[in-house]
């Protein structure tokens, strides 16, 4: 019976009521703290994480997701900046064109008034030249088209084309698109146009910066500091509510960088190798890089 203070009558216990005085009720309440700990330790589902987006500008969103598949070190967080090309344009800034300068993404952003910046792919031993094909209007930074299957293309020259896209050479005719964009950056394909993970598993693990286009044509800047194989990073991306259409690798290890600064948000991320993570912990080393993809607000 339940006794309510201030009343003399009693109420019957409702069906299914858990009686803490019964043996099975006592056992449940003793186990309750353990059950709560287990629930808190479980990874958030995609449905729970779908509300992680924070609007930090017109057509500009940021989110930090818990990776469904955890890294052996670090916090297993994946930072995403989502950009609507309707409000923002993209720039390729190359040190070889700008006085042979190398700066951190923060320095690039502050000097050239960028809202956000990320690596513009990997670079060669000379410290400036890109590994893959790269052009910026009338200048060829690297004229050689490598075997890699994805090319980020922006600064369109025809109005009927997407303002920015990742060309998948396995699905699209690159030759027909090659002269229709003023800026191109070639790198390694991560997620194909069929939304498949095309990166083989490997033992090496590091931080990763990448770029993707979602099903609505918005651009995603992607970063994880927690070292993991690229294959596993891609599996995490596909498991999250990001609706990625295609994705391209930009950089890994200590050079991987992401920066964003608005009135509502500040993101500054730098990567590292797995072997250095235990020693450095949460401390981030900002390394200068020669080439960045920058984001600027379109004139209103």
Foldseek 3Di string as FASTA:
>chain_A
DDDDPPDDDDDDDDPPDQDCVDPVSVVCVVCVVVVVVVVVPQADAQVVQVPQWDDQDVQKIKGKGAQNDDFPDDRNIKIKIKGDVVWKFKAKAFLVVVVNDWAFQVVVCVVVVFQKKWFLADADPVQTAHPAWWAAAPDTSDHDHDPAFWKWFAQFQDPVDQRIDIGGVVVDPCVVCVPGGRIIGGAHWQAAQVRDGPDDDDPWWKKFWKWFAAPVRIIMTMTDARIDTSSSVSVRVSRHPRRTRTMGTGDTAQQGWMFGDGPRDTDTDGHHTPVCCVVQPPDHDGDIHGMMMGMDTDDD
